[in-house]
Amino acid sequence: MIVTTTNDVPGYRVVKHLGVVRGLTVRSRSIVGNIGAGIQSLFGGNISIYTELAEKAREEAFNLMVEHAAEGGANAIVGMRYDANEIADGITEVLAYGTAVTVERA
């Protein structure tokens, strides 16, 4: 599956637009993770516990989006984007979305 943030794929032409596809995940921080992150924040710099949580959430949303596109017969996704919102304190949704297309080599 080709995934790009641009609206085209260099060297390919879009032969069919299949519509919007998305992958959504909702994650929360654990008590243990919050304590560990709190300790890390005392020393400044990257809070690796939260970085790992954010990366896993994005990866899961991305993979769900790719599955959604494949189920619809796409071999590429163009215009891919991420969005994230805090639903409640410590609970965040991460959305990956784009346009599913079928492409052929130009």
N, C-alpha and C. Protein backbone atom coordinates (compact mmCIF):
# COMPACT_ATOMS: atom_id res chain seq x y z
N MET A 1 0.86 -1.18 0.00
CA MET A 1 0.00 0.00 0.00
C MET A 1 0.90 1.23 0.00
N ILE A 2 0.67 2.11 -0.95
CA ILE A 2 1.37 3.38 -1.01
C ILE A 2 0.56 4.38 -0.19
N VAL A 3 1.22 5.09 0.72
CA VAL A 3 0.54 6.12 1.51
C VAL A 3 1.37 7.39 1.41
N THR A 4 0.71 8.48 1.06
CA THR A 4 1.40 9.75 0.91
C THR A 4 0.56 10.90 1.44
N THR A 5 1.23 11.92 1.91
CA THR A 5 0.52 13.10 2.38
C THR A 5 0.20 14.06 1.23
N THR A 6 0.77 13.81 0.06
CA THR A 6 0.49 14.64 -1.11
C THR A 6 -0.79 14.15 -1.79
N ASN A 7 -1.26 14.91 -2.77
CA ASN A 7 -2.49 14.54 -3.46
C ASN A 7 -2.27 13.71 -4.71
N ASP A 8 -1.02 13.36 -4.96
CA ASP A 8 -0.70 12.48 -6.08
C ASP A 8 0.48 11.60 -5.69
N VAL A 9 0.78 10.63 -6.54
CA VAL A 9 1.90 9.73 -6.31
C VAL A 9 2.83 9.85 -7.52
N PRO A 10 4.01 10.42 -7.35
CA PRO A 10 4.92 10.58 -8.48
C PRO A 10 5.17 9.24 -9.19
N GLY A 11 5.06 9.27 -10.52
CA GLY A 11 5.27 8.07 -11.31
C GLY A 11 4.03 7.22 -11.48
N TYR A 12 2.92 7.64 -10.86
CA TYR A 12 1.65 6.90 -10.94
C TYR A 12 0.54 7.85 -11.36
N ARG A 13 -0.52 7.28 -11.84
CA ARG A 13 -1.72 8.09 -12.10
C ARG A 13 -2.89 7.46 -11.37
N VAL A 14 -3.74 8.30 -10.84
CA VAL A 14 -4.93 7.82 -10.13
C VAL A 14 -5.95 7.41 -11.17
N VAL A 15 -6.42 6.16 -11.08
CA VAL A 15 -7.43 5.68 -12.03
C VAL A 15 -8.81 5.56 -11.39
N LYS A 16 -8.85 5.58 -10.06
CA LYS A 16 -10.15 5.49 -9.39
C LYS A 16 -10.04 6.06 -7.98
N HIS A 17 -10.98 6.94 -7.63
CA HIS A 17 -11.10 7.44 -6.26
C HIS A 17 -12.13 6.58 -5.55
N LEU A 18 -11.77 6.07 -4.39
CA LEU A 18 -12.66 5.17 -3.65
C LEU A 18 -13.27 5.82 -2.40
N GLY A 19 -12.84 7.03 -2.09
CA GLY A 19 -13.43 7.74 -0.96
C GLY A 19 -12.53 7.84 0.24
N VAL A 20 -13.06 8.49 1.25
CA VAL A 20 -12.31 8.72 2.49
C VAL A 20 -12.18 7.42 3.27
N VAL A 21 -10.99 7.20 3.80
CA VAL A 21 -10.75 6.07 4.70
C VAL A 21 -10.17 6.62 6.00
N ARG A 22 -10.40 5.88 7.08
CA ARG A 22 -9.90 6.35 8.37
C ARG A 22 -9.58 5.18 9.27
N GLY A 23 -8.74 5.51 10.24
CA GLY A 23 -8.42 4.58 11.32
C GLY A 23 -8.47 5.38 12.60
N LEU A 24 -9.16 4.89 13.58
CA LEU A 24 -9.36 5.63 14.82
C LEU A 24 -9.00 4.75 16.01
N THR A 25 -8.26 5.31 16.93
CA THR A 25 -7.97 4.62 18.18
C THR A 25 -8.14 5.60 19.32
N VAL A 26 -8.53 5.09 20.47
CA VAL A 26 -8.68 5.90 21.67
C VAL A 26 -7.79 5.29 22.73
N ARG A 27 -6.93 6.09 23.30
CA ARG A 27 -5.95 5.62 24.28
C ARG A 27 -6.05 6.40 25.57
N SER A 28 -5.69 5.74 26.66
CA SER A 28 -5.61 6.43 27.95
C SER A 28 -4.24 6.14 28.57
N ARG A 29 -3.86 7.04 29.44
CA ARG A 29 -2.60 6.84 30.17
C ARG A 29 -2.92 6.03 31.42
N SER A 30 -2.02 5.15 31.78
CA SER A 30 -2.21 4.36 33.00
C SER A 30 -1.66 5.12 34.20
N ILE A 31 -2.08 4.71 35.37
CA ILE A 31 -1.57 5.32 36.60
C ILE A 31 -0.05 5.14 36.68
N VAL A 32 0.43 3.95 36.39
CA VAL A 32 1.87 3.67 36.43
C VAL A 32 2.60 4.56 35.43
N GLY A 33 2.03 4.69 34.20
CA GLY A 33 2.64 5.55 33.19
C GLY A 33 2.68 7.00 33.62
N ASN A 34 1.59 7.46 34.25
CA ASN A 34 1.56 8.85 34.73
C ASN A 34 2.61 9.10 35.80
N ILE A 35 2.80 8.14 36.69
CA ILE A 35 3.81 8.29 37.74
C ILE A 35 5.20 8.35 37.12
N GLY A 36 5.47 7.42 36.19
CA GLY A 36 6.77 7.40 35.51
C GLY A 36 7.02 8.68 34.73
N ALA A 37 6.00 9.16 34.04
CA ALA A 37 6.13 10.39 33.27
C ALA A 37 6.33 11.58 34.21
N GLY A 38 5.66 11.56 35.35
CA GLY A 38 5.84 12.63 36.32
C GLY A 38 7.26 12.71 36.82
N ILE A 39 7.86 11.55 37.05
CA ILE A 39 9.26 11.50 37.49
C ILE A 39 10.16 12.03 36.38
N GLN A 40 9.91 11.59 35.13
CA GLN A 40 10.72 12.07 34.01
C GLN A 40 10.60 13.58 33.84
N SER A 41 9.40 14.12 34.06
CA SER A 41 9.19 15.56 33.86
C SER A 41 9.98 16.40 34.86
N LEU A 42 10.33 15.82 36.00
CA LEU A 42 11.12 16.55 36.99
C LEU A 42 12.51 16.89 36.45
N PHE A 43 13.00 16.06 35.53
CA PHE A 43 14.35 16.24 35.00
C PHE A 43 14.35 16.97 33.66
N GLY A 44 13.18 17.24 33.10
CA GLY A 44 13.09 17.95 31.82
C GLY A 44 13.40 17.05 30.64
N GLY A 45 13.23 17.59 29.46
CA GLY A 45 13.54 16.86 28.24
C GLY A 45 12.38 16.01 27.77
N ASN A 46 12.70 15.06 26.91
CA ASN A 46 11.69 14.17 26.32
C ASN A 46 11.09 13.26 27.39
N ILE A 47 9.78 13.18 27.41
CA ILE A 47 9.10 12.26 28.33
C ILE A 47 8.80 11.01 27.53
N SER A 48 9.72 10.07 27.57
CA SER A 48 9.68 8.90 26.68
C SER A 48 8.44 8.04 26.87
N ILE A 49 7.88 7.98 28.04
CA ILE A 49 6.67 7.18 28.27
C ILE A 49 5.52 7.72 27.43
N TYR A 50 5.36 9.04 27.40
CA TYR A 50 4.29 9.64 26.60
C TYR A 50 4.62 9.58 25.11
N THR A 51 5.89 9.71 24.78
CA THR A 51 6.30 9.61 23.38
C THR A 51 5.95 8.24 22.83
N GLU A 52 6.25 7.20 23.58
CA GLU A 52 5.93 5.83 23.16
C GLU A 52 4.42 5.64 23.03
N LEU A 53 3.65 6.17 23.97
CA LEU A 53 2.20 6.06 23.92
C LEU A 53 1.65 6.76 22.67
N ALA A 54 2.15 7.95 22.38
CA ALA A 54 1.70 8.69 21.21
C ALA A 54 2.07 7.95 19.93
N GLU A 55 3.28 7.42 19.87
CA GLU A 55 3.71 6.70 18.67
C GLU A 55 2.89 5.43 18.45
N LYS A 56 2.60 4.70 19.51
CA LYS A 56 1.78 3.49 19.38
C LYS A 56 0.37 3.83 18.91
N ALA A 57 -0.19 4.92 19.43
CA ALA A 57 -1.54 5.33 19.03
C ALA A 57 -1.55 5.72 17.55
N ARG A 58 -0.56 6.47 17.10
CA ARG A 58 -0.49 6.85 15.68
C ARG A 58 -0.31 5.63 14.79
N GLU A 59 0.55 4.70 15.23
CA GLU A 59 0.79 3.49 14.44
C GLU A 59 -0.49 2.66 14.32
N GLU A 60 -1.22 2.53 15.41
CA GLU A 60 -2.46 1.76 15.38
C GLU A 60 -3.50 2.42 14.47
N ALA A 61 -3.65 3.74 14.58
CA ALA A 61 -4.60 4.46 13.73
C ALA A 61 -4.20 4.33 12.26
N PHE A 62 -2.90 4.45 11.97
CA PHE A 62 -2.39 4.31 10.60
C PHE A 62 -2.72 2.92 10.04
N ASN A 63 -2.42 1.88 10.82
CA ASN A 63 -2.68 0.52 10.36
C ASN A 63 -4.16 0.25 10.13
N LEU A 64 -5.01 0.80 10.99
CA LEU A 64 -6.47 0.65 10.79
C LEU A 64 -6.92 1.35 9.52
N MET A 65 -6.34 2.53 9.23
CA MET A 65 -6.68 3.25 8.01
C MET A 65 -6.27 2.44 6.78
N VAL A 66 -5.07 1.86 6.80
CA VAL A 66 -4.59 1.04 5.68
C VAL A 66 -5.49 -0.17 5.49
N GLU A 67 -5.90 -0.82 6.57
CA GLU A 67 -6.84 -1.96 6.48
C GLU A 67 -8.15 -1.52 5.84
N HIS A 68 -8.68 -0.39 6.26
CA HIS A 68 -9.93 0.14 5.72
C HIS A 68 -9.81 0.35 4.22
N ALA A 69 -8.69 0.92 3.78
CA ALA A 69 -8.46 1.17 2.35
C ALA A 69 -8.35 -0.14 1.58
N ALA A 70 -7.62 -1.10 2.13
CA ALA A 70 -7.43 -2.39 1.45
C ALA A 70 -8.77 -3.12 1.30
N GLU A 71 -9.61 -3.04 2.33
CA GLU A 71 -10.93 -3.68 2.26
C GLU A 71 -11.77 -3.11 1.12
N GLY A 72 -11.54 -1.85 0.78
CA GLY A 72 -12.28 -1.20 -0.29
C GLY A 72 -11.64 -1.36 -1.65
N GLY A 73 -10.52 -2.09 -1.73
CA GLY A 73 -9.87 -2.34 -3.00
C GLY A 73 -8.80 -1.34 -3.40
N ALA A 74 -8.41 -0.46 -2.51
CA ALA A 74 -7.40 0.54 -2.82
C ALA A 74 -6.00 -0.06 -2.80
N ASN A 75 -5.11 0.54 -3.58
CA ASN A 75 -3.70 0.18 -3.48
C ASN A 75 -2.86 1.39 -3.08
N ALA A 76 -3.53 2.50 -2.78
CA ALA A 76 -2.83 3.71 -2.32
C ALA A 76 -3.80 4.60 -1.53
N ILE A 77 -3.19 5.45 -0.71
CA ILE A 77 -3.93 6.47 0.03
C ILE A 77 -3.21 7.79 -0.20
N VAL A 78 -3.95 8.80 -0.66
CA VAL A 78 -3.36 10.11 -0.86
C VAL A 78 -3.96 11.10 0.12
N GLY A 79 -3.26 12.20 0.35
CA GLY A 79 -3.76 13.24 1.26
C GLY A 79 -3.87 12.76 2.70
N MET A 80 -3.01 11.85 3.11
CA MET A 80 -3.10 11.28 4.45
C MET A 80 -2.76 12.33 5.52
N ARG A 81 -3.53 12.33 6.59
CA ARG A 81 -3.33 13.25 7.70
C ARG A 81 -3.61 12.53 9.03
N TYR A 82 -3.11 13.14 10.11
CA TYR A 82 -3.43 12.71 11.47
C TYR A 82 -4.20 13.83 12.16
N ASP A 83 -5.04 13.45 13.11
CA ASP A 83 -5.72 14.41 13.97
C ASP A 83 -5.80 13.76 15.35
N ALA A 84 -5.72 14.56 16.39
CA ALA A 84 -5.83 14.03 17.75
C ALA A 84 -6.62 15.01 18.60
N ASN A 85 -7.44 14.46 19.48
CA ASN A 85 -8.25 15.26 20.39
C ASN A 85 -8.29 14.58 21.74
N GLU A 86 -8.32 15.39 22.77
CA GLU A 86 -8.48 14.84 24.11
C GLU A 86 -9.98 14.74 24.38
N ILE A 87 -10.46 13.52 24.60
CA ILE A 87 -11.88 13.29 24.84
C ILE A 87 -12.23 13.61 26.29
N ALA A 88 -11.36 13.18 27.19
CA ALA A 88 -11.50 13.45 28.61
C ALA A 88 -10.09 13.51 29.18
N ASP A 89 -9.98 13.88 30.43
CA ASP A 89 -8.67 13.99 31.04
C ASP A 89 -7.91 12.67 30.92
N GLY A 90 -6.82 12.67 30.20
CA GLY A 90 -6.00 11.48 30.05
C GLY A 90 -6.48 10.50 28.99
N ILE A 91 -7.54 10.84 28.26
CA ILE A 91 -8.06 9.96 27.21
C ILE A 91 -8.02 10.72 25.89
N THR A 92 -7.27 10.17 24.94
CA THR A 92 -7.05 10.85 23.67
C THR A 92 -7.45 9.96 22.51
N GLU A 93 -8.09 10.57 21.51
CA GLU A 93 -8.39 9.86 20.27
C GLU A 93 -7.36 10.28 19.24
N VAL A 94 -6.92 9.35 18.43
CA VAL A 94 -6.02 9.64 17.32
C VAL A 94 -6.68 9.11 16.06
N LEU A 95 -6.80 9.97 15.07
CA LEU A 95 -7.44 9.63 13.81
C LEU A 95 -6.42 9.77 12.70
N ALA A 96 -6.31 8.75 11.86
CA ALA A 96 -5.54 8.82 10.63
C ALA A 96 -6.54 8.75 9.49
N TYR A 97 -6.43 9.64 8.51
CA TYR A 97 -7.41 9.64 7.43
C TYR A 97 -6.77 10.09 6.13
N GLY A 98 -7.41 9.73 5.04
CA GLY A 98 -6.95 10.12 3.71
C GLY A 98 -7.95 9.65 2.68
N THR A 99 -7.57 9.77 1.41
CA THR A 99 -8.43 9.35 0.32
C THR A 99 -7.88 8.07 -0.29
N ALA A 100 -8.70 7.03 -0.29
CA ALA A 100 -8.32 5.74 -0.88
C ALA A 100 -8.44 5.85 -2.40
N VAL A 101 -7.42 5.38 -3.09
CA VAL A 101 -7.42 5.42 -4.56
C VAL A 101 -6.81 4.14 -5.12
N THR A 102 -7.06 3.95 -6.40
CA THR A 102 -6.35 2.92 -7.15
C THR A 102 -5.43 3.65 -8.10
N VAL A 103 -4.15 3.27 -8.08
CA VAL A 103 -3.17 3.91 -8.96
C VAL A 103 -2.53 2.88 -9.88
N GLU A 104 -2.05 3.39 -11.01
CA GLU A 104 -1.28 2.58 -11.97
C GLU A 104 -0.02 3.34 -12.31
N ARG A 105 1.03 2.60 -12.66
CA ARG A 105 2.26 3.27 -13.09
C ARG A 105 1.97 4.11 -14.33
N ALA A 106 2.54 5.31 -14.36
CA ALA A 106 2.31 6.22 -15.50
C ALA A 106 3.12 5.77 -16.72
